[in-house]
Amino acid sequence: MSSYVALVLIVVAAIFIIRSLKVVPQQNAWVVERLGKYHSTLTPGLSILVPFVDRVAYKHSLKEIPLDVPSQVCITRDNTQLQVDGILYFQVTDPMRASYGSSNYIVAVTQLAQTSLRSVIGKLELDKTFEERDIINAQVVQAIDEAALNWGVKVLRYEIKDLTPPKEILHAMQSQITAEREKRALIAASEGRRQEQINIATGEREAYIARSEGEKQSIINNAQGQAASIMAVAEATAQAIERIAAAIRQPGGEQAVQLKVAERAVDAYSKVAADSKTTLIVPSNMAETSALIASAMRMVQGSKSA
């Protein structure tokens, strides 16, 4: 009998220990009720409860929870139906409110996400829904977060996974995209041809300018060469004349000139006489030759005195 009582006491003591000691895992929070009323929230670690008086009523994970929002049909501002689905990320921040603020905060957040998404998309046209996903996500998060505070839940972000328009709209959009691409291709080709014509014209103009500049420079060089040649001949002639004039001024210079003139006259007559086809007329008075020489000498003397 005594052994039976001891066994019962051991079992009762074990039950008391099990019910009084609670170990809460990390990133978890347990809500404790005492006699059916909220008493406390257990944080991670070892906690002691009063057996048969306290009980763990709710257990919440404090980790970030991804919630798949079911697909739904949304109507845009231009009356186009879109099949939209997304994913919601939230976290329990207040275990007490999460326990008593809503009977099921997960269902509440899901429904609110769907209604908020329909409201946001209803304000946008079809094209804008594809361009402004970030704005849609931000507005959905803002709308849900305001209401979720009473449920002890913090909505972190919302992401649209798919936006699927009807097949007719999708086909029209694809046709529009194809037309836009063909238009850009035609514009690019015309711009290429235009640029090609501009490049050809520019090249021809530059080549013509280069040729004309070359011809101009060639003419200038020839003219400068001819001018330099004329100047060299003139300078050489002037130097020769100056030397002849200086030689005439020397003693016996005039006699040398007379002799040279006479020699030239005799040479001229001899060359004329040597030609068999030429008829030579000899002056009747050879004194005219002396007169010619004297006249030449007077010209030389005149230039000397000047």
C-alpha atoms as a PDB file:
ATOM      1  CA  MET A   1       0.000   0.000   0.000  1.00  0.00           C
ATOM      2  CA  SER A   2       2.743   2.419   0.871  1.00  0.00           C
ATOM      3  CA  SER A   3       4.544   1.682  -2.401  1.00  0.00           C
ATOM      4  CA  TYR A   4       1.365   2.414  -4.310  1.00  0.00           C
ATOM      5  CA  VAL A   5       0.988   5.780  -2.581  1.00  0.00           C
ATOM      6  CA  ALA A   6       4.613   6.632  -3.298  1.00  0.00           C
ATOM      7  CA  LEU A   7       4.119   5.819  -6.959  1.00  0.00           C
ATOM      8  CA  VAL A   8       1.068   8.038  -7.100  1.00  0.00           C
ATOM      9  CA  LEU A   9       2.966  10.861  -5.466  1.00  0.00           C
ATOM     10  CA  ILE A  10       5.801  10.474  -7.944  1.00  0.00           C
ATOM     11  CA  VAL A  11       3.387  10.599 -10.881  1.00  0.00           C
ATOM     12  CA  VAL A  12       1.634  13.665  -9.438  1.00  0.00           C
ATOM     13  CA  ALA A  13       4.972  15.368  -8.855  1.00  0.00           C
ATOM     14  CA  ALA A  14       6.029  14.601 -12.440  1.00  0.00           C
ATOM     15  CA  ILE A  15       2.801  16.033 -13.783  1.00  0.00           C
ATOM     16  CA  PHE A  16       3.272  19.174 -11.679  1.00  0.00           C
ATOM     17  CA  ILE A  17       6.813  19.593 -12.934  1.00  0.00           C
ATOM     18  CA  ILE A  18       5.835  19.044 -16.572  1.00  0.00           C
ATOM     19  CA  ARG A  19       2.952  21.503 -16.346  1.00  0.00           C
ATOM     20  CA  SER A  20       4.897  24.094 -14.425  1.00  0.00           C
ATOM     21  CA  LEU A  21       8.113  24.130 -16.495  1.00  0.00           C
ATOM     22  CA  LYS A  22       7.936  25.462 -20.053  1.00  0.00           C
ATOM     23  CA  VAL A  23      10.821  25.909 -22.481  1.00  0.00           C
ATOM     24  CA  VAL A  24      10.081  28.415 -25.236  1.00  0.00           C
ATOM     25  CA  PRO A  25      12.170  28.036 -28.445  1.00  0.00           C
ATOM     26  CA  GLN A  26      14.053  30.920 -29.990  1.00  0.00           C
ATOM     27  CA  GLN A  27      11.988  33.312 -32.164  1.00  0.00           C
ATOM     28  CA  ASN A  28       8.783  32.142 -30.551  1.00  0.00           C
ATOM     29  CA  ALA A  29       6.329  33.688 -28.086  1.00  0.00           C
ATOM     30  CA  TRP A  30       3.730  31.852 -26.036  1.00  0.00           C
ATOM     31  CA  VAL A  31       0.652  33.532 -24.602  1.00  0.00           C
ATOM     32  CA  VAL A  32      -0.304  32.361 -21.078  1.00  0.00           C
ATOM     33  CA  GLU A  33      -3.844  32.551 -19.691  1.00  0.00           C
ATOM     34  CA  ARG A  34      -4.571  32.321 -15.982  1.00  0.00           C
ATOM     35  CA  LEU A  35      -8.021  31.054 -15.254  1.00  0.00           C
ATOM     36  CA  GLY A  36      -9.133  31.937 -18.791  1.00  0.00           C
ATOM     37  CA  LYS A  37      -7.720  35.476 -18.753  1.00  0.00           C
ATOM     38  CA  TYR A  38      -4.596  36.799 -20.443  1.00  0.00           C
ATOM     39  CA  HIS A  39      -1.749  36.680 -17.942  1.00  0.00           C
ATOM     40  CA  SER A  40       1.621  37.016 -19.679  1.00  0.00           C
ATOM     41  CA  THR A  41       3.715  36.317 -22.767  1.00  0.00           C
ATOM     42  CA  LEU A  42       6.557  33.848 -22.428  1.00  0.00           C
ATOM     43  CA  THR A  43       9.822  34.775 -24.134  1.00  0.00           C
ATOM     44  CA  PRO A  44      12.436  32.236 -25.362  1.00  0.00           C
ATOM     45  CA  GLY A  45      13.949  30.258 -22.522  1.00  0.00           C
ATOM     46  CA  LEU A  46      12.763  28.435 -19.382  1.00  0.00           C
ATOM     47  CA  SER A  47       9.585  29.668 -17.706  1.00  0.00           C
ATOM     48  CA  ILE A  48       7.600  28.442 -14.678  1.00  0.00           C
ATOM     49  CA  LEU A  49       3.788  28.295 -14.654  1.00  0.00           C
ATOM     50  CA  VAL A  50       1.296  27.509 -11.909  1.00  0.00           C
ATOM     51  CA  PRO A  51      -0.080  24.049 -12.685  1.00  0.00           C
ATOM     52  CA  PHE A  52      -3.820  23.778 -13.370  1.00  0.00           C
ATOM     53  CA  VAL A  53      -4.094  27.570 -13.079  1.00  0.00           C
ATOM     54  CA  ASP A  54      -1.938  28.803 -15.949  1.00  0.00           C
ATOM     55  CA  ARG A  55      -2.047  27.373 -19.420  1.00  0.00           C
ATOM     56  CA  VAL A  56      -0.382  28.171 -22.744  1.00  0.00           C
ATOM     57  CA  ALA A  57      -3.286  29.347 -24.869  1.00  0.00           C
ATOM     58  CA  TYR A  58      -1.482  30.495 -28.046  1.00  0.00           C
ATOM     59  CA  LYS A  59       1.896  29.874 -29.624  1.00  0.00           C
ATOM     60  CA  HIS A  60       3.266  32.324 -32.188  1.00  0.00           C
ATOM     61  CA  SER A  61       6.351  32.291 -34.392  1.00  0.00           C
ATOM     62  CA  LEU A  62       8.131  35.646 -34.549  1.00  0.00           C
ATOM     63  CA  LYS A  63       9.885  34.786 -37.823  1.00  0.00           C
ATOM     64  CA  GLU A  64       9.064  36.449 -41.116  1.00  0.00           C
ATOM     65  CA  ILE A  65       6.236  34.478 -42.689  1.00  0.00           C
ATOM     66  CA  PRO A  66       5.648  34.282 -46.480  1.00  0.00           C
ATOM     67  CA  LEU A  67       1.960  34.030 -47.334  1.00  0.00           C
ATOM     68  CA  ASP A  68       0.791  33.095 -50.806  1.00  0.00           C
ATOM     69  CA  VAL A  69      -2.137  35.326 -51.802  1.00  0.00           C
ATOM     70  CA  PRO A  70      -4.542  33.381 -54.035  1.00  0.00           C
ATOM     71  CA  SER A  71      -4.995  34.481 -57.632  1.00  0.00           C
ATOM     72  CA  GLN A  72      -7.894  36.808 -58.324  1.00  0.00           C
ATOM     73  CA  VAL A  73      -9.428  38.844 -61.141  1.00  0.00           C
ATOM     74  CA  CYS A  74      -8.880  42.604 -60.967  1.00  0.00           C
ATOM     75  CA  ILE A  75     -10.425  45.228 -63.268  1.00  0.00           C
ATOM     76  CA  THR A  76      -8.285  48.151 -64.381  1.00  0.00           C
ATOM     77  CA  ARG A  77      -9.388  51.731 -64.882  1.00  0.00           C
ATOM     78  CA  ASP A  78      -9.936  51.101 -68.600  1.00  0.00           C
ATOM     79  CA  ASN A  79     -12.161  48.080 -67.834  1.00  0.00           C
ATOM     80  CA  THR A  80      -9.635  45.365 -68.605  1.00  0.00           C
ATOM     81  CA  GLN A  81      -9.601  42.171 -66.561  1.00  0.00           C
ATOM     82  CA  LEU A  82      -6.319  40.994 -65.092  1.00  0.00           C
ATOM     83  CA  GLN A  83      -5.541  37.736 -63.363  1.00  0.00           C
ATOM     84  CA  VAL A  84      -3.254  38.735 -60.475  1.00  0.00           C
ATOM     85  CA  ASP A  85      -1.556  36.740 -57.768  1.00  0.00           C
ATOM     86  CA  GLY A  86       1.139  37.669 -55.299  1.00  0.00           C
ATOM     87  CA  ILE A  87       2.991  36.831 -52.142  1.00  0.00           C
ATOM     88  CA  LEU A  88       2.847  38.655 -48.830  1.00  0.00           C
ATOM     89  CA  TYR A  89       5.574  38.792 -46.165  1.00  0.00           C
ATOM     90  CA  PHE A  90       4.550  39.610 -42.599  1.00  0.00           C
ATOM     91  CA  GLN A  91       5.728  39.128 -39.028  1.00  0.00           C
ATOM     92  CA  VAL A  92       4.002  38.876 -35.643  1.00  0.00           C
ATOM     93  CA  THR A  93       5.153  41.810 -33.525  1.00  0.00           C
ATOM     94  CA  ASP A  94       2.584  41.708 -30.699  1.00  0.00           C
ATOM     95  CA  PRO A  95       1.669  38.128 -29.613  1.00  0.00           C
ATOM     96  CA  MET A  96      -1.129  39.328 -27.320  1.00  0.00           C
ATOM     97  CA  ARG A  97      -2.931  41.234 -30.100  1.00  0.00           C
ATOM     98  CA  ALA A  98      -2.264  38.424 -32.531  1.00  0.00           C
ATOM     99  CA  SER A  99      -4.051  36.125 -30.104  1.00  0.00           C
ATOM    100  CA  TYR A 100      -7.045  38.287 -29.274  1.00  0.00           C
ATOM    101  CA  GLY A 101      -7.216  40.949 -31.993  1.00  0.00           C
ATOM    102  CA  SER A 102      -8.509  38.594 -34.677  1.00  0.00           C
ATOM    103  CA  SER A 103      -9.835  35.090 -34.691  1.00  0.00           C
ATOM    104  CA  ASN A 104      -7.472  34.271 -37.579  1.00  0.00           C
ATOM    105  CA  TYR A 105      -5.007  36.987 -38.529  1.00  0.00           C
ATOM    106  CA  ILE A 106      -3.652  34.970 -41.474  1.00  0.00           C
ATOM    107  CA  VAL A 107      -7.066  34.840 -43.159  1.00  0.00           C
ATOM    108  CA  ALA A 108      -7.637  38.488 -42.287  1.00  0.00           C
ATOM    109  CA  VAL A 109      -4.333  39.586 -43.830  1.00  0.00           C
ATOM    110  CA  THR A 110      -4.975  37.489 -46.944  1.00  0.00           C
ATOM    111  CA  GLN A 111      -8.428  38.932 -47.520  1.00  0.00           C
ATOM    112  CA  LEU A 112      -7.220  42.459 -46.891  1.00  0.00           C
ATOM    113  CA  ALA A 113      -4.357  41.968 -49.360  1.00  0.00           C
ATOM    114  CA  GLN A 114      -6.798  40.877 -52.059  1.00  0.00           C
ATOM    115  CA  THR A 115      -9.204  43.759 -51.524  1.00  0.00           C
ATOM    116  CA  SER A 116      -6.385  46.313 -51.356  1.00  0.00           C
ATOM    117  CA  LEU A 117      -4.868  44.959 -54.578  1.00  0.00           C
ATOM    118  CA  ARG A 118      -8.189  45.233 -56.398  1.00  0.00           C
ATOM    119  CA  SER A 119      -8.572  48.798 -55.177  1.00  0.00           C
ATOM    120  CA  VAL A 120      -5.074  49.850 -56.273  1.00  0.00           C
ATOM    121  CA  ILE A 121      -5.286  48.234 -59.712  1.00  0.00           C
ATOM    122  CA  GLY A 122      -8.736  49.743 -60.265  1.00  0.00           C
ATOM    123  CA  LYS A 123      -7.093  53.199 -60.208  1.00  0.00           C
ATOM    124  CA  LEU A 124      -4.590  52.359 -62.958  1.00  0.00           C
ATOM    125  CA  GLU A 125      -4.836  51.748 -66.675  1.00  0.00           C
ATOM    126  CA  LEU A 126      -3.654  48.478 -68.179  1.00  0.00           C
ATOM    127  CA  ASP A 127      -0.290  49.745 -69.419  1.00  0.00           C
ATOM    128  CA  LYS A 128       0.484  51.362 -66.068  1.00  0.00           C
ATOM    129  CA  THR A 129      -0.074  48.111 -64.180  1.00  0.00           C
ATOM    130  CA  PHE A 130       2.912  46.576 -65.971  1.00  0.00           C
ATOM    131  CA  GLU A 131       5.095  49.669 -65.572  1.00  0.00           C
ATOM    132  CA  GLU A 132       4.371  50.522 -61.922  1.00  0.00           C
ATOM    133  CA  ARG A 133       4.623  47.244 -60.038  1.00  0.00           C
ATOM    134  CA  ASP A 134       6.730  48.825 -57.319  1.00  0.00           C
ATOM    135  CA  ILE A 135       4.098  51.500 -56.733  1.00  0.00           C
ATOM    136  CA  ILE A 136       1.335  48.884 -56.579  1.00  0.00           C
ATOM    137  CA  ASN A 137       3.316  46.799 -54.086  1.00  0.00           C
ATOM    138  CA  ALA A 138       4.004  49.825 -51.876  1.00  0.00           C
ATOM    139  CA  GLN A 139       0.365  50.923 -51.846  1.00  0.00           C
ATOM    140  CA  VAL A 140      -0.856  47.427 -50.970  1.00  0.00           C
ATOM    141  CA  VAL A 141       1.625  47.198 -48.096  1.00  0.00           C
ATOM    142  CA  GLN A 142       0.557  50.611 -46.800  1.00  0.00           C
ATOM    143  CA  ALA A 143      -3.155  49.698 -46.903  1.00  0.00           C
ATOM    144  CA  ILE A 144      -2.661  46.363 -45.136  1.00  0.00           C
ATOM    145  CA  ASP A 145      -0.203  47.625 -42.541  1.00  0.00           C
ATOM    146  CA  GLU A 146      -2.600  50.241 -41.176  1.00  0.00           C
ATOM    147  CA  ALA A 147      -5.261  47.632 -40.423  1.00  0.00           C
ATOM    148  CA  ALA A 148      -2.852  44.871 -39.369  1.00  0.00           C
ATOM    149  CA  LEU A 149      -1.557  46.900 -36.412  1.00  0.00           C
ATOM    150  CA  ASN A 150      -4.681  45.925 -34.443  1.00  0.00           C
ATOM    151  CA  TRP A 151      -3.890  42.283 -35.144  1.00  0.00           C
ATOM    152  CA  GLY A 152      -0.329  42.464 -33.793  1.00  0.00           C
ATOM    153  CA  VAL A 153       1.063  41.875 -37.285  1.00  0.00           C
ATOM    154  CA  LYS A 154       3.592  43.926 -39.256  1.00  0.00           C
ATOM    155  CA  VAL A 155       3.356  43.649 -43.048  1.00  0.00           C
ATOM    156  CA  LEU A 156       6.884  43.854 -44.432  1.00  0.00           C
ATOM    157  CA  ARG A 157       6.353  43.735 -48.204  1.00  0.00           C
ATOM    158  CA  TYR A 158       4.096  42.515 -50.954  1.00  0.00           C
ATOM    159  CA  GLU A 159       5.229  41.256 -54.352  1.00  0.00           C
ATOM    160  CA  ILE A 160       3.109  40.656 -57.441  1.00  0.00           C
ATOM    161  CA  LYS A 161       4.079  37.337 -59.000  1.00  0.00           C
ATOM    162  CA  ASP A 162       2.000  37.359 -62.177  1.00  0.00           C
ATOM    163  CA  LEU A 163      -0.139  39.817 -64.116  1.00  0.00           C
ATOM    164  CA  THR A 164      -2.019  37.916 -66.807  1.00  0.00           C
ATOM    165  CA  PRO A 165      -4.388  39.767 -69.146  1.00  0.00           C
ATOM    166  CA  PRO A 166      -6.989  37.944 -71.276  1.00  0.00           C
ATOM    167  CA  LYS A 167      -5.754  36.169 -74.403  1.00  0.00           C
ATOM    168  CA  GLU A 168      -7.293  38.777 -76.708  1.00  0.00           C
ATOM    169  CA  ILE A 169      -5.573  41.623 -74.877  1.00  0.00           C
ATOM    170  CA  LEU A 170      -2.316  39.688 -74.751  1.00  0.00           C
ATOM    171  CA  HIS A 171      -2.459  39.067 -78.513  1.00  0.00           C
ATOM    172  CA  ALA A 172      -3.194  42.761 -79.163  1.00  0.00           C
ATOM    173  CA  MET A 173      -0.269  43.778 -76.953  1.00  0.00           C
ATOM    174  CA  GLN A 174       2.049  41.415 -78.789  1.00  0.00           C
ATOM    175  CA  SER A 175       0.879  42.819 -82.132  1.00  0.00           C
ATOM    176  CA  GLN A 176       1.485  46.343 -80.846  1.00  0.00           C
ATOM    177  CA  ILE A 177       4.966  45.425 -79.665  1.00  0.00           C
ATOM    178  CA  THR A 178       5.729  43.826 -83.049  1.00  0.00           C
ATOM    179  CA  ALA A 179       4.511  46.938 -84.866  1.00  0.00           C
ATOM    180  CA  GLU A 180       6.598  49.191 -82.636  1.00  0.00           C
ATOM    181  CA  ARG A 181       9.692  47.088 -83.258  1.00  0.00           C
ATOM    182  CA  GLU A 182       9.119  47.128 -87.025  1.00  0.00           C
ATOM    183  CA  LYS A 183       8.620  50.884 -86.861  1.00  0.00           C
ATOM    184  CA  ARG A 184      11.891  51.326 -84.945  1.00  0.00           C
ATOM    185  CA  ALA A 185      13.647  49.066 -87.462  1.00  0.00           C
ATOM    186  CA  LEU A 186      12.374  51.144 -90.410  1.00  0.00           C
ATOM    187  CA  ILE A 187      13.374  54.364 -88.680  1.00  0.00           C
ATOM    188  CA  ALA A 188      16.802  52.977 -87.899  1.00  0.00           C
ATOM    189  CA  ALA A 189      17.253  51.839 -91.520  1.00  0.00           C
ATOM    190  CA  SER A 190      16.191  55.247 -92.885  1.00  0.00           C
ATOM    191  CA  GLU A 191      18.485  57.000 -90.459  1.00  0.00           C
ATOM    192  CA  GLY A 192      21.303  54.734 -91.595  1.00  0.00           C
ATOM    193  CA  ARG A 193      20.658  55.545 -95.271  1.00  0.00           C
ATOM    194  CA  ARG A 194      20.417  59.239 -94.460  1.00  0.00           C
ATOM    195  CA  GLN A 195      23.696  59.152 -92.575  1.00  0.00           C
ATOM    196  CA  GLU A 196      25.286  57.212 -95.423  1.00  0.00           C
ATOM    197  CA  GLN A 197      24.232  59.874 -97.958  1.00  0.00           C
ATOM    198  CA  ILE A 198      25.503  62.600 -95.652  1.00  0.00           C
ATOM    199  CA  ASN A 199      28.834  60.812 -95.259  1.00  0.00           C
ATOM    200  CA  ILE A 200      29.198  60.322 -99.027  1.00  0.00           C
ATOM    201  CA  ALA A 201      28.355  63.971 -99.739  1.00  0.00           C
ATOM    202  CA  THR A 202      30.730  65.144 -97.028  1.00  0.00           C
ATOM    203  CA  GLY A 203      33.497  62.931 -98.389  1.00  0.00           C
ATOM    204  CA  GLU A 204      32.997  64.190-101.948  1.00  0.00           C
ATOM    205  CA  ARG A 205      32.962  67.786-100.780  1.00  0.00           C
ATOM    206  CA  GLU A 206      36.135  67.328 -98.750  1.00  0.00           C
ATOM    207  CA  ALA A 207      37.810  65.537-101.700  1.00  0.00           C
ATOM    208  CA  TYR A 208      36.832  68.360-104.068  1.00  0.00           C
ATOM    209  CA  ILE A 209      38.144  70.949-101.624  1.00  0.00           C
ATOM    210  CA  ALA A 210      41.376  68.991-101.236  1.00  0.00           C
ATOM    211  CA  ARG A 211      41.810  68.766-105.035  1.00  0.00           C
ATOM    212  CA  SER A 212      41.090  72.465-105.525  1.00  0.00           C
ATOM    213  CA  GLU A 213      43.488  73.351-102.734  1.00  0.00           C
ATOM    214  CA  GLY A 214      46.131  71.173-104.384  1.00  0.00           C
ATOM    215  CA  GLU A 215      45.580  72.786-107.783  1.00  0.00           C
ATOM    216  CA  LYS A 216      45.640  76.221-106.207  1.00  0.00           C
ATOM    217  CA  GLN A 217      48.892  75.453-104.425  1.00  0.00           C
ATOM    218  CA  SER A 218      50.363  74.043-107.654  1.00  0.00           C
ATOM    219  CA  ILE A 219      49.488  77.239-109.574  1.00  0.00           C
ATOM    220  CA  ILE A 220      50.930  79.346-106.784  1.00  0.00           C
ATOM    221  CA  ASN A 221      54.107  77.287-106.754  1.00  0.00           C
ATOM    222  CA  ASN A 222      54.476  77.544-110.561  1.00  0.00           C
ATOM    223  CA  ALA A 223      53.884  81.298-110.460  1.00  0.00           C
ATOM    224  CA  GLN A 224      56.382  81.694-107.653  1.00  0.00           C
ATOM    225  CA  GLY A 225      58.890  79.574-109.597  1.00  0.00           C
ATOM    226  CA  GLN A 226      58.446  81.644-112.761  1.00  0.00           C
ATOM    227  CA  ALA A 227      58.714  84.865-110.792  1.00  0.00           C
ATOM    228  CA  ALA A 228      61.869  83.620-109.099  1.00  0.00           C
ATOM    229  CA  SER A 229      63.307  82.629-112.513  1.00  0.00           C
ATOM    230  CA  ILE A 230      62.511  86.037-114.027  1.00  0.00           C
ATOM    231  CA  MET A 231      64.023  87.766-111.033  1.00  0.00           C
ATOM    232  CA  ALA A 232      67.172  85.630-111.285  1.00  0.00           C
ATOM    233  CA  VAL A 233      67.539  86.399-115.034  1.00  0.00           C
ATOM    234  CA  ALA A 234      66.931  90.097-114.415  1.00  0.00           C
ATOM    235  CA  GLU A 235      69.432  90.200-111.590  1.00  0.00           C
ATOM    236  CA  ALA A 236      72.006  88.318-113.721  1.00  0.00           C
ATOM    237  CA  THR A 237      71.402  90.707-116.662  1.00  0.00           C
ATOM    238  CA  ALA A 238      71.700  93.725-114.382  1.00  0.00           C
ATOM    239  CA  GLN A 239      74.924  92.387-112.923  1.00  0.00           C
ATOM    240  CA  ALA A 240      76.284  91.763-116.454  1.00  0.00           C
ATOM    241  CA  ILE A 241      75.377  95.271-117.569  1.00  0.00           C
ATOM    242  CA  GLU A 242      76.953  96.735-114.453  1.00  0.00           C
ATOM    243  CA  ARG A 243      80.165  94.782-115.129  1.00  0.00           C
ATOM    244  CA  ILE A 244      80.209  95.884-118.801  1.00  0.00           C
ATOM    245  CA  ALA A 245      79.653  99.494-117.743  1.00  0.00           C
ATOM    246  CA  ALA A 246      82.458  99.208-115.197  1.00  0.00           C
ATOM    247  CA  ALA A 247      84.749  97.709-117.836  1.00  0.00           C
ATOM    248  CA  ILE A 248      83.995 100.537-120.275  1.00  0.00           C
ATOM    249  CA  ARG A 249      84.976 103.087-117.686  1.00  0.00           C
ATOM    250  CA  GLN A 250      88.412 101.566-117.419  1.00  0.00           C
ATOM    251  CA  PRO A 251      91.305 102.966-119.560  1.00  0.00           C
ATOM    252  CA  GLY A 252      91.043 101.593-123.130  1.00  0.00           C
ATOM    253  CA  GLY A 253      87.483 100.445-122.534  1.00  0.00           C
ATOM    254  CA  GLU A 254      86.010 102.571-125.318  1.00  0.00           C
ATOM    255  CA  GLN A 255      88.526 101.270-127.815  1.00  0.00           C
ATOM    256  CA  ALA A 256      87.659  97.724-126.792  1.00  0.00           C
ATOM    257  CA  VAL A 257      83.989  98.445-127.371  1.00  0.00           C
ATOM    258  CA  GLN A 258      84.714  99.889-130.814  1.00  0.00           C
ATOM    259  CA  LEU A 259      86.728  96.811-131.652  1.00  0.00           C
ATOM    260  CA  LYS A 260      83.971  94.501-130.381  1.00  0.00           C
ATOM    261  CA  VAL A 261      81.284  96.324-132.372  1.00  0.00           C
ATOM    262  CA  ALA A 262      83.436  96.185-135.497  1.00  0.00           C
ATOM    263  CA  GLU A 263      83.984  92.467-134.976  1.00  0.00           C
ATOM    264  CA  ARG A 264      80.286  91.861-134.623  1.00  0.00           C
ATOM    265  CA  ALA A 265      79.579  93.821-137.812  1.00  0.00           C
ATOM    266  CA  VAL A 266      82.170  91.858-139.757  1.00  0.00           C
ATOM    267  CA  ASP A 267      80.798  88.572-138.355  1.00  0.00           C
ATOM    268  CA  ALA A 268      77.301  89.541-139.364  1.00  0.00           C
ATOM    269  CA  TYR A 269      78.390  90.298-142.956  1.00  0.00           C
ATOM    270  CA  SER A 270      80.371  87.085-143.125  1.00  0.00           C
ATOM    271  CA  LYS A 271      77.400  84.975-141.986  1.00  0.00           C
ATOM    272  CA  VAL A 272      75.130  86.601-144.489  1.00  0.00           C
ATOM    273  CA  ALA A 273      77.665  86.032-147.254  1.00  0.00           C
ATOM    274  CA  ALA A 274      78.104  82.413-146.317  1.00  0.00           C
ATOM    275  CA  ASP A 275      74.440  81.659-147.040  1.00  0.00           C
ATOM    276  CA  SER A 276      74.179  80.722-150.714  1.00  0.00           C
ATOM    277  CA  LYS A 277      70.513  81.582-150.848  1.00  0.00           C
ATOM    278  CA  THR A 278      70.980  85.069-149.463  1.00  0.00           C
ATOM    279  CA  THR A 279      71.745  88.011-151.697  1.00  0.00           C
ATOM    280  CA  LEU A 280      74.292  90.320-150.072  1.00  0.00           C
ATOM    281  CA  ILE A 281      74.080  94.009-150.819  1.00  0.00           C
ATOM    282  CA  VAL A 282      77.227  95.776-149.786  1.00  0.00           C
ATOM    283  CA  PRO A 283      76.853  99.446-148.922  1.00  0.00           C
ATOM    284  CA  SER A 284      78.368 101.730-151.547  1.00  0.00           C
ATOM    285  CA  ASN A 285      80.049 103.721-148.874  1.00  0.00           C
ATOM    286  CA  MET A 286      81.852 101.596-146.283  1.00  0.00           C
ATOM    287  CA  ALA A 287      82.166 104.721-144.229  1.00  0.00           C
ATOM    288  CA  GLU A 288      78.602 104.073-143.106  1.00  0.00           C
ATOM    289  CA  THR A 289      79.936 101.171-141.075  1.00  0.00           C
ATOM    290  CA  SER A 290      82.312 103.488-139.278  1.00  0.00           C
ATOM    291  CA  ALA A 291      79.446 105.880-138.727  1.00  0.00           C
ATOM    292  CA  LEU A 292      77.404 103.043-137.226  1.00  0.00           C
ATOM    293  CA  ILE A 293      80.244 102.215-134.875  1.00  0.00           C
ATOM    294  CA  ALA A 294      80.672 105.857-133.927  1.00  0.00           C
ATOM    295  CA  SER A 295      76.940 106.140-133.207  1.00  0.00           C
ATOM    296  CA  ALA A 296      77.117 103.085-130.972  1.00  0.00           C
ATOM    297  CA  MET A 297      80.031 104.554-129.082  1.00  0.00           C
ATOM    298  CA  ARG A 298      78.162 107.806-128.520  1.00  0.00           C
ATOM    299  CA  MET A 299      75.314 105.804-126.974  1.00  0.00           C
ATOM    300  CA  VAL A 300      77.797 104.049-124.725  1.00  0.00           C
ATOM    301  CA  GLN A 301      79.353 107.361-123.706  1.00  0.00           C
ATOM    302  CA  GLY A 302      75.924 108.814-123.044  1.00  0.00           C
ATOM    303  CA  SER A 303      75.004 105.969-120.747  1.00  0.00           C
ATOM    304  CA  LYS A 304      78.388 106.330-119.040  1.00  0.00           C
ATOM    305  CA  SER A 305      77.908 110.046-118.364  1.00  0.00           C
ATOM    306  CA  ALA A 306      74.374 109.422-117.060  1.00  0.00           C
END
